[in-house]
Amino acid sequence: MEKVSQVKVLDSYRLEVVFNDGVKGIVSLSDRLFGPVFEPLKDPAFFSQAKVDEFGVITWPNGADLAPDALYERLKH
């Protein structure tokens, strides 16, 4: 499984993501921020706290995270 090596927060709930094998791209989460764990991410200040954890997963302080395998497939195609 590929791991995220870098994440940069962009405007409009977008992330610039770089994987450890060099695959990179921009993903928009504007239409995916629903449900109890993702609701706080609608606050731009909270969304901007995205980071990559020690397992190569994009996470936020409230425990929200993004599955790297799904992001990888999305960016690869």
C-alpha atoms as a PDB file:
ATOM      1  CA  MET A   1       0.000   0.000   0.000  1.00  0.00           C
ATOM      2  CA  GLU A   2       1.326   3.422  -0.943  1.00  0.00           C
ATOM      3  CA  LYS A   3       1.639   6.079   1.730  1.00  0.00           C
ATOM      4  CA  VAL A   4       1.084   9.813   1.606  1.00  0.00           C
ATOM      5  CA  SER A   5       4.382  11.609   2.097  1.00  0.00           C
ATOM      6  CA  GLN A   6       3.153  15.214   1.853  1.00  0.00           C
ATOM      7  CA  VAL A   7      -0.105  17.125   2.063  1.00  0.00           C
ATOM      8  CA  LYS A   8      -0.689  20.805   1.420  1.00  0.00           C
ATOM      9  CA  VAL A   9      -4.018  22.441   2.214  1.00  0.00           C
ATOM     10  CA  LEU A  10      -5.438  24.568  -0.598  1.00  0.00           C
ATOM     11  CA  ASP A  11      -8.528  26.756  -0.767  1.00  0.00           C
ATOM     12  CA  SER A  12     -12.057  25.443  -1.346  1.00  0.00           C
ATOM     13  CA  TYR A  13     -11.513  22.241   0.679  1.00  0.00           C
ATOM     14  CA  ARG A  14      -8.810  20.922  -1.636  1.00  0.00           C
ATOM     15  CA  LEU A  15      -5.621  19.077  -0.779  1.00  0.00           C
ATOM     16  CA  GLU A  16      -2.435  18.728  -2.787  1.00  0.00           C
ATOM     17  CA  VAL A  17      -1.262  15.190  -2.059  1.00  0.00           C
ATOM     18  CA  VAL A  18       2.099  13.534  -2.799  1.00  0.00           C
ATOM     19  CA  PHE A  19       2.624   9.795  -2.363  1.00  0.00           C
ATOM     20  CA  ASN A  20       5.905   8.079  -1.524  1.00  0.00           C
ATOM     21  CA  ASP A  21       6.234   6.761  -5.092  1.00  0.00           C
ATOM     22  CA  GLY A  22       5.852  10.221  -6.661  1.00  0.00           C
ATOM     23  CA  VAL A  23       2.178  10.037  -7.642  1.00  0.00           C
ATOM     24  CA  LYS A  24       0.674  13.431  -6.855  1.00  0.00           C
ATOM     25  CA  GLY A  25      -2.337  15.557  -7.524  1.00  0.00           C
ATOM     26  CA  ILE A  26      -5.104  17.683  -6.097  1.00  0.00           C
ATOM     27  CA  VAL A  27      -8.237  16.238  -4.529  1.00  0.00           C
ATOM     28  CA  SER A  28     -11.367  18.192  -3.700  1.00  0.00           C
ATOM     29  CA  LEU A  29     -13.286  17.196  -0.596  1.00  0.00           C
ATOM     30  CA  SER A  30     -15.972  19.886  -0.840  1.00  0.00           C
ATOM     31  CA  ASP A  31     -18.677  17.341  -1.672  1.00  0.00           C
ATOM     32  CA  ARG A  32     -17.455  14.720   0.827  1.00  0.00           C
ATOM     33  CA  LEU A  33     -17.567  16.557   4.157  1.00  0.00           C
ATOM     34  CA  PHE A  34     -20.619  14.941   5.712  1.00  0.00           C
ATOM     35  CA  GLY A  35     -21.210  12.731   8.710  1.00  0.00           C
ATOM     36  CA  PRO A  36     -20.230  13.314  12.331  1.00  0.00           C
ATOM     37  CA  VAL A  37     -16.462  12.922  11.933  1.00  0.00           C
ATOM     38  CA  PHE A  38     -16.179  15.100   8.807  1.00  0.00           C
ATOM     39  CA  GLU A  39     -18.644  17.846   9.827  1.00  0.00           C
ATOM     40  CA  PRO A  40     -15.964  19.842  11.756  1.00  0.00           C
ATOM     41  CA  LEU A  41     -13.827  19.957   8.579  1.00  0.00           C
ATOM     42  CA  LYS A  42     -16.352  22.378   7.057  1.00  0.00           C
ATOM     43  CA  ASP A  43     -14.662  25.048   9.179  1.00  0.00           C
ATOM     44  CA  PRO A  44     -11.764  26.228   6.968  1.00  0.00           C
ATOM     45  CA  ALA A  45      -9.540  26.805  10.011  1.00  0.00           C
ATOM     46  CA  PHE A  46     -10.073  23.219  11.155  1.00  0.00           C
ATOM     47  CA  PHE A  47      -9.700  21.824   7.619  1.00  0.00           C
ATOM     48  CA  SER A  48      -6.327  23.566   7.397  1.00  0.00           C
ATOM     49  CA  GLN A  49      -5.016  21.372  10.246  1.00  0.00           C
ATOM     50  CA  ALA A  50      -4.614  18.368   7.929  1.00  0.00           C
ATOM     51  CA  LYS A  51      -1.358  16.492   8.432  1.00  0.00           C
ATOM     52  CA  VAL A  52       0.256  13.200   7.481  1.00  0.00           C
ATOM     53  CA  ASP A  53       0.604  10.759  10.366  1.00  0.00           C
ATOM     54  CA  GLU A  54       3.356   8.173  10.891  1.00  0.00           C
ATOM     55  CA  PHE A  55       1.417   5.625   8.786  1.00  0.00           C
ATOM     56  CA  GLY A  56       1.161   7.871   5.712  1.00  0.00           C
ATOM     57  CA  VAL A  57      -2.495   8.730   6.320  1.00  0.00           C
ATOM     58  CA  ILE A  58      -3.959  12.242   6.115  1.00  0.00           C
ATOM     59  CA  THR A  59      -5.562  13.025   9.472  1.00  0.00           C
ATOM     60  CA  TRP A  60      -7.194  15.842  11.445  1.00  0.00           C
ATOM     61  CA  PRO A  61      -7.171  16.482  15.215  1.00  0.00           C
ATOM     62  CA  ASN A  62     -10.696  15.073  15.711  1.00  0.00           C
ATOM     63  CA  GLY A  63      -9.711  11.642  14.329  1.00  0.00           C
ATOM     64  CA  ALA A  64     -11.027  12.169  10.795  1.00  0.00           C
ATOM     65  CA  ASP A  65      -8.789  10.548   8.203  1.00  0.00           C
ATOM     66  CA  LEU A  66      -8.656   9.679   4.524  1.00  0.00           C
ATOM     67  CA  ALA A  67      -7.897   6.186   3.260  1.00  0.00           C
ATOM     68  CA  PRO A  68      -4.639   6.478   1.302  1.00  0.00           C
ATOM     69  CA  ASP A  69      -5.492   3.602  -1.041  1.00  0.00           C
ATOM     70  CA  ALA A  70      -8.673   5.334  -2.256  1.00  0.00           C
ATOM     71  CA  LEU A  71      -6.832   8.640  -2.725  1.00  0.00           C
ATOM     72  CA  TYR A  72      -4.041   6.877  -4.585  1.00  0.00           C
ATOM     73  CA  GLU A  73      -6.415   5.230  -7.045  1.00  0.00           C
ATOM     74  CA  ARG A  74      -8.258   8.502  -7.548  1.00  0.00           C
ATOM     75  CA  LEU A  75      -5.042  10.365  -8.381  1.00  0.00           C
ATOM     76  CA  LYS A  76      -3.486   7.600 -10.437  1.00  0.00           C
ATOM     77  CA  HIS A  77      -6.385   7.561 -12.917  1.00  0.00           C
END
